[in-house]
Amino acid sequence: MGGIGVVLNPNAAASRGPGCDVARLAELVGGSGEVVVTGDLAELDVALRRFHERGYDIVAVCGGDGSMCHAVSRVVQIWGEWQLPDFVALRGGTINNIARTIGGPARPDAMMAGIVAAYTAGRALARVERPLIRVNGSLYGNVVGAGLITGFLEHYYRAANPGPLSAAGLLLRCGISWLVGGKLIDAVVPRLAARAQCDGEVLPFDAFTIVLASSVSHIGLGVTPFYLSGRKHGYFHVLAGPATPGQLLGRVPRFRRGFPAGLDTLYDNMAQRFRVEFASPQSYTIDGELFPPVPVLELESGPTVRFVKGEKH
């Protein structure tokens, strides 16, 4: 059987731009599969169940990292952890760190054109394997966090046109707020009372400004702090601790180059299991998608997924 199923999230701003035209993507896929616009999670579930019934072995997602999180989580539930199809991450959202890490053409139509041509001709496809992080037992993604990352995203999404420029502008405003003792930096970087442990090791902190775990290297703005991601099969990279805004801002040049922060206030290690118990429920994010507050964040190494990036040369 086989085939290619493409889901497009029309609510993602970038999915309405060049390269994400539904008609164009449908033309490219042709008889090899189908393209479905999914306006909500219920429609996404229906489309993915149909892809499974039809035996599609590639699922492409156009809508950015948040859309990929929801699609992957439902695919795991429908296919099962050990029978997953291949995925294609198309840059159709405001946050496209997964696609940027995987590589391939930036325009969704160019990406799909190369993949469909190779697929229909029976030529080998280039794939990149990435372990998923299982979140609280039922959700799956590649970048998970609380504290600073959720504070930053909450302010970032309030911008009229979220994107790299507004993100860079928010980072600059945070730096200025820290220098002058403004309120913005305290809102973006809250101090969360919590206890955490990584693979049985209790972290020596009782409060956190940053809780981040990732199986991909990029986090946006050219910053690649997760230099340990992908280094060891079945592990993800954890950065967590009470590092101050000043310490973190001062380490941005090192994060941009993929170097360790070298802070005593930042736990920096690989993990298979990471658990945080908050003193009070806290919101969290998976791949840029914000989720309601929870008292516990339980992260585990999940199944490995294969992302297709184009034809193998």
Protein backbone atom coordinates (compact mmCIF):
# COMPACT_ATOMS: atom_id res chain seq x y z
CA MET A 1 0.00 0.00 0.00
CA GLY A 2 1.78 3.12 1.18
CA GLY A 3 1.16 6.76 0.43
CA ILE A 4 1.69 10.30 1.65
CA GLY A 5 -0.79 12.11 3.87
CA VAL A 6 -0.39 15.86 4.37
CA VAL A 7 -2.21 17.80 7.09
CA LEU A 8 -2.26 21.58 6.98
CA ASN A 9 -3.18 23.73 9.97
CA PRO A 10 -4.94 26.84 8.58
CA ASN A 11 -4.67 28.56 11.99
CA ALA A 12 -0.88 28.73 11.76
CA ALA A 13 -0.02 32.15 10.36
CA ALA A 14 2.83 31.00 8.14
CA SER A 15 0.73 28.20 6.65
CA ARG A 16 -1.16 30.88 4.72
CA GLY A 17 2.02 32.14 3.10
CA PRO A 18 3.96 31.18 -0.04
CA GLY A 19 4.67 27.49 -0.41
CA CYS A 20 1.76 26.30 1.77
CA ASP A 21 -0.99 26.67 -0.83
CA VAL A 22 -3.38 23.74 -0.47
CA ALA A 23 -4.01 23.39 -4.17
CA ARG A 24 -0.28 23.42 -4.94
CA LEU A 25 0.50 20.80 -2.30
CA ALA A 26 -2.38 18.62 -3.54
CA GLU A 27 -1.05 18.93 -7.10
CA LEU A 28 2.39 17.81 -5.95
CA VAL A 29 1.11 14.83 -3.95
CA GLY A 30 -1.26 13.79 -6.75
CA GLY A 31 -2.31 10.15 -6.67
CA SER A 32 0.34 9.29 -4.08
CA GLY A 33 -1.89 10.42 -1.22
CA GLU A 34 -3.94 13.40 -0.10
CA VAL A 35 -3.77 16.85 1.48
CA VAL A 36 -6.25 17.69 4.25
CA VAL A 37 -6.91 21.04 5.92
CA THR A 38 -7.57 20.41 9.63
CA GLY A 39 -9.16 23.32 11.44
CA ASP A 40 -9.18 21.74 14.90
CA LEU A 41 -7.97 18.68 16.80
CA ALA A 42 -11.11 16.68 16.02
CA GLU A 43 -10.57 17.15 12.27
CA LEU A 44 -6.89 16.28 12.71
CA ASP A 45 -7.85 13.03 14.45
CA VAL A 46 -10.28 12.07 11.66
CA ALA A 47 -7.67 12.77 8.96
CA LEU A 48 -4.93 10.78 10.71
CA ARG A 49 -7.22 7.80 11.30
CA ARG A 50 -8.05 7.80 7.60
CA PHE A 51 -4.32 7.96 6.73
CA HIS A 52 -3.78 4.93 8.98
CA GLU A 53 -6.64 2.98 7.43
CA ARG A 54 -5.26 3.67 3.96
CA GLY A 55 -1.78 2.51 4.95
CA TYR A 56 0.05 5.78 4.37
CA ASP A 57 3.67 5.47 5.41
CA ILE A 58 4.56 9.19 5.37
CA VAL A 59 2.72 11.93 7.29
CA ALA A 60 3.66 15.52 6.46
CA VAL A 61 2.63 18.38 8.75
CA CYS A 62 2.39 21.97 7.54
CA GLY A 63 1.82 24.26 10.51
CA GLY A 64 4.99 24.51 12.54
CA ASP A 65 6.21 22.84 15.72
CA GLY A 66 2.96 23.14 17.68
CA SER A 67 1.03 21.45 14.90
CA MET A 68 3.67 18.72 14.75
CA CYS A 69 3.29 18.11 18.49
CA HIS A 70 -0.45 17.48 18.18
CA ALA A 71 -0.05 15.38 15.02
CA VAL A 72 2.73 13.22 16.43
CA SER A 73 0.86 12.67 19.71
CA ARG A 74 -2.21 11.43 17.85
CA VAL A 75 -0.19 9.36 15.39
CA VAL A 76 1.44 7.55 18.32
CA GLN A 77 -2.01 6.80 19.77
CA ILE A 78 -3.34 5.55 16.42
CA TRP A 79 -0.33 3.68 14.97
CA GLY A 80 1.33 2.65 18.25
CA GLU A 81 4.82 3.61 19.41
CA TRP A 82 6.65 0.95 17.43
CA GLN A 83 4.84 1.11 14.07
CA LEU A 84 5.10 4.82 13.33
CA PRO A 85 5.11 6.25 9.81
CA ASP A 86 7.82 8.61 8.65
CA PHE A 87 7.19 12.33 9.18
CA VAL A 88 7.88 15.45 7.15
CA ALA A 89 8.16 18.74 9.04
CA LEU A 90 7.10 21.56 6.72
CA ARG A 91 7.89 25.13 7.75
CA GLY A 92 4.34 26.40 8.01
CA GLY A 93 4.24 27.90 11.52
CA THR A 94 5.64 30.77 13.52
CA ILE A 95 8.06 28.32 15.22
CA ASN A 96 9.82 25.83 12.95
CA ASN A 97 12.74 24.59 15.04
CA ILE A 98 12.15 20.93 14.19
CA ALA A 99 12.22 21.58 10.44
CA ARG A 100 15.28 23.79 10.85
CA THR A 101 17.09 21.05 12.77
CA ILE A 102 16.13 18.33 10.28
CA GLY A 103 17.12 20.39 7.23
CA GLY A 104 15.82 20.44 3.69
CA PRO A 105 14.23 23.22 1.56
CA ALA A 106 12.60 26.04 3.50
CA ARG A 107 9.50 26.33 1.29
CA PRO A 108 6.93 23.58 1.96
CA ASP A 109 6.13 23.12 -1.75
CA ALA A 110 9.82 22.73 -2.63
CA MET A 111 10.27 20.23 0.19
CA MET A 112 7.26 18.19 -0.89
CA ALA A 113 8.20 18.32 -4.57
CA GLY A 114 11.54 16.64 -3.92
CA ILE A 115 10.12 14.06 -1.53
CA VAL A 116 7.17 13.11 -3.76
CA ALA A 117 9.38 12.81 -6.85
CA ALA A 118 11.77 10.44 -5.09
CA TYR A 119 8.96 8.52 -3.37
CA THR A 120 6.94 7.87 -6.55
CA ALA A 121 10.08 6.86 -8.45
CA GLY A 122 11.08 4.42 -5.71
CA ARG A 123 14.33 6.23 -4.98
CA ALA A 124 15.84 6.24 -1.50
CA LEU A 125 14.83 9.01 0.88
CA ALA A 126 17.16 10.77 3.31
CA ARG A 127 15.90 10.39 6.88
CA VAL A 128 16.94 11.84 10.23
CA GLU A 129 16.08 9.98 13.41
CA ARG A 130 15.04 11.88 16.52
CA PRO A 131 13.79 10.50 19.85
CA LEU A 132 10.50 11.88 21.04
CA ILE A 133 9.95 13.01 24.62
CA ARG A 134 6.88 11.49 26.24
CA VAL A 135 5.15 14.11 28.40
CA ASN A 136 2.94 13.03 31.30
CA GLY A 137 2.30 9.73 29.60
CA SER A 138 0.20 10.84 26.63
CA LEU A 139 1.75 13.77 24.76
CA TYR A 140 4.87 13.69 22.59
CA GLY A 141 7.26 16.31 21.30
CA ASN A 142 10.84 17.42 20.87
CA VAL A 143 11.18 20.56 23.03
CA VAL A 144 9.44 20.68 26.42
CA GLY A 145 9.70 23.34 29.09
CA ALA A 146 8.32 25.50 31.88
CA GLY A 147 9.33 28.73 33.55
CA LEU A 148 11.29 31.07 31.30
CA ILE A 149 10.24 29.38 28.07
CA THR A 150 6.50 29.63 28.81
CA GLY A 151 6.86 33.21 30.03
CA PHE A 152 8.69 34.14 26.84
CA LEU A 153 6.14 32.40 24.59
CA GLU A 154 3.16 33.98 26.35
CA HIS A 155 4.59 37.45 25.64
CA TYR A 156 5.81 36.45 22.16
CA TYR A 157 2.36 35.30 20.99
CA ARG A 158 0.87 38.65 22.00
CA ALA A 159 2.79 40.37 19.20
CA ALA A 160 0.79 41.49 16.18
CA ASN A 161 2.99 39.44 13.85
CA PRO A 162 4.92 36.76 15.78
CA GLY A 163 8.15 35.86 14.04
CA PRO A 164 11.95 36.08 14.30
CA LEU A 165 11.95 39.91 14.43
CA SER A 166 9.37 40.12 17.21
CA ALA A 167 11.17 37.35 19.13
CA ALA A 168 14.48 39.19 18.83
CA GLY A 169 12.76 42.40 19.89
CA LEU A 170 11.28 40.72 22.96
CA LEU A 171 14.69 39.33 23.89
CA LEU A 172 16.16 42.84 23.60
CA ARG A 173 13.38 44.29 25.75
CA CYS A 174 14.03 41.60 28.37
CA GLY A 175 17.69 42.58 28.42
CA ILE A 176 16.85 46.25 28.88
CA SER A 177 14.30 45.40 31.58
CA TRP A 178 16.94 43.44 33.47
CA LEU A 179 19.42 46.32 33.22
CA VAL A 180 16.97 48.93 34.53
CA GLY A 181 15.16 46.70 37.00
CA GLY A 182 11.90 46.71 35.04
CA LYS A 183 8.86 44.47 35.52
CA LEU A 184 9.04 42.66 32.16
CA ILE A 185 12.01 40.47 33.06
CA ASP A 186 10.31 39.28 36.27
CA ALA A 187 7.16 38.39 34.30
CA VAL A 188 9.08 36.50 31.61
CA VAL A 189 11.47 34.77 34.02
CA PRO A 190 9.44 33.70 37.08
CA ARG A 191 11.06 31.80 39.93
CA LEU A 192 9.14 28.54 40.42
CA ALA A 193 9.30 26.65 43.70
CA ALA A 194 9.81 23.00 42.76
CA ARG A 195 11.79 19.82 43.26
CA ALA A 196 13.26 17.83 40.39
CA GLN A 197 15.12 14.64 39.70
CA CYS A 198 16.89 13.30 36.64
CA ASP A 199 17.25 9.53 36.23
CA GLY A 200 16.98 9.13 40.00
CA GLU A 201 19.41 11.95 40.83
CA VAL A 202 17.79 14.70 42.92
CA LEU A 203 18.76 18.13 41.65
CA PRO A 204 20.23 20.43 44.35
CA PHE A 205 17.67 23.20 43.79
CA ASP A 206 14.34 24.08 45.39
CA ALA A 207 13.39 26.71 42.81
CA PHE A 208 13.74 27.04 39.05
CA THR A 209 13.70 29.86 36.53
CA ILE A 210 14.28 27.49 33.63
CA VAL A 211 13.13 23.93 32.92
CA LEU A 212 13.93 22.77 29.40
CA ALA A 213 14.34 19.40 27.72
CA SER A 214 14.97 18.77 24.05
CA SER A 215 15.81 16.08 21.54
CA VAL A 216 16.66 18.66 18.84
CA SER A 217 19.40 21.28 18.90
CA HIS A 218 17.56 24.46 17.82
CA ILE A 219 15.30 26.62 19.95
CA GLY A 220 15.00 29.64 17.61
CA LEU A 221 16.88 32.88 16.84
CA GLY A 222 19.89 30.79 15.83
CA VAL A 223 20.29 29.59 19.42
CA THR A 224 21.39 25.96 19.79
CA PRO A 225 21.76 25.30 23.54
CA PHE A 226 20.99 21.59 23.30
CA TYR A 227 24.43 20.46 22.18
CA LEU A 228 23.87 17.00 23.75
CA SER A 229 20.69 16.24 21.79
CA GLY A 230 21.12 13.30 19.46
CA ARG A 231 24.45 12.34 21.01
CA LYS A 232 23.20 9.14 22.66
CA HIS A 233 20.30 7.01 21.45
CA GLY A 234 17.26 7.11 23.72
CA TYR A 235 18.31 10.25 25.61
CA PHE A 236 17.30 13.91 25.55
CA HIS A 237 19.10 17.02 26.82
CA VAL A 238 18.00 18.76 30.04
CA LEU A 239 18.75 22.33 31.15
CA ALA A 240 17.16 23.22 34.48
CA GLY A 241 17.91 25.39 37.48
CA PRO A 242 17.57 28.76 39.23
CA ALA A 243 19.91 30.63 36.87
CA THR A 244 19.22 34.36 37.05
CA PRO A 245 18.12 36.42 34.04
CA GLY A 246 21.52 38.12 34.03
CA GLN A 247 23.35 34.81 33.99
CA LEU A 248 21.21 33.47 31.17
CA LEU A 249 21.42 36.64 29.07
CA GLY A 250 25.17 36.66 29.55
CA ARG A 251 25.37 33.13 28.17
CA VAL A 252 23.40 33.85 24.98
CA PRO A 253 26.61 34.02 22.85
CA ARG A 254 27.60 30.58 24.14
CA PHE A 255 24.10 29.21 23.51
CA ARG A 256 24.20 30.56 19.96
CA ARG A 257 27.40 28.61 19.30
CA GLY A 258 26.15 25.42 20.92
CA PHE A 259 28.57 25.61 23.87
CA PRO A 260 27.85 24.57 27.49
CA ALA A 261 26.70 27.46 29.69
CA GLY A 262 29.10 26.54 32.47
CA LEU A 263 26.80 27.75 35.27
CA ASP A 264 26.57 26.21 38.74
CA THR A 265 22.94 27.33 38.77
CA LEU A 266 22.05 25.31 35.66
CA TYR A 267 21.82 21.51 35.59
CA ASP A 268 23.10 20.44 32.17
CA ASN A 269 22.96 16.76 31.27
CA MET A 270 21.44 13.99 29.17
CA ALA A 271 18.42 12.13 30.54
CA GLN A 272 16.03 9.26 29.96
CA ARG A 273 13.60 10.39 32.65
CA PHE A 274 13.13 13.83 34.21
CA ARG A 275 10.47 14.74 36.77
CA VAL A 276 9.54 18.13 38.22
CA GLU A 277 7.08 18.55 41.08
CA PHE A 278 5.86 22.15 41.32
CA ALA A 279 4.78 23.73 44.59
CA SER A 280 1.76 25.02 42.66
CA PRO A 281 0.51 24.02 39.17
CA GLN A 282 2.45 25.58 36.30
CA SER A 283 1.77 25.93 32.58
CA TYR A 284 4.21 24.28 30.20
CA THR A 285 5.03 24.10 26.52
CA ILE A 286 5.67 21.35 24.00
CA ASP A 287 7.23 22.51 20.75
CA GLY A 288 5.90 26.05 21.16
CA GLU A 289 2.35 24.97 22.06
CA LEU A 290 1.20 26.19 25.47
CA PHE A 291 -0.64 23.77 27.78
CA PRO A 292 -2.68 24.38 30.97
CA PRO A 293 -1.03 24.25 34.41
CA VAL A 294 -0.08 20.90 35.94
CA PRO A 295 1.36 19.99 39.36
CA VAL A 296 3.89 17.54 37.89
CA LEU A 297 5.84 17.41 34.65
CA GLU A 298 7.03 13.88 33.91
CA LEU A 299 9.33 13.52 30.91
CA GLU A 300 10.55 10.20 29.52
CA SER A 301 12.38 9.04 26.44
CA GLY A 302 9.76 8.07 23.91
CA PRO A 303 9.93 6.22 20.60
CA THR A 304 12.31 7.30 17.89
CA VAL A 305 10.70 8.90 14.85
CA ARG A 306 12.13 9.31 11.39
CA PHE A 307 11.88 12.66 9.64
CA VAL A 308 12.24 12.70 5.86
CA LYS A 309 14.32 15.61 4.58
CA GLY A 310 14.47 14.81 0.86
CA GLU A 311 16.04 12.39 -1.60
CA LYS A 312 19.08 10.47 -0.46
CA HIS A 313 22.18 11.32 -2.47
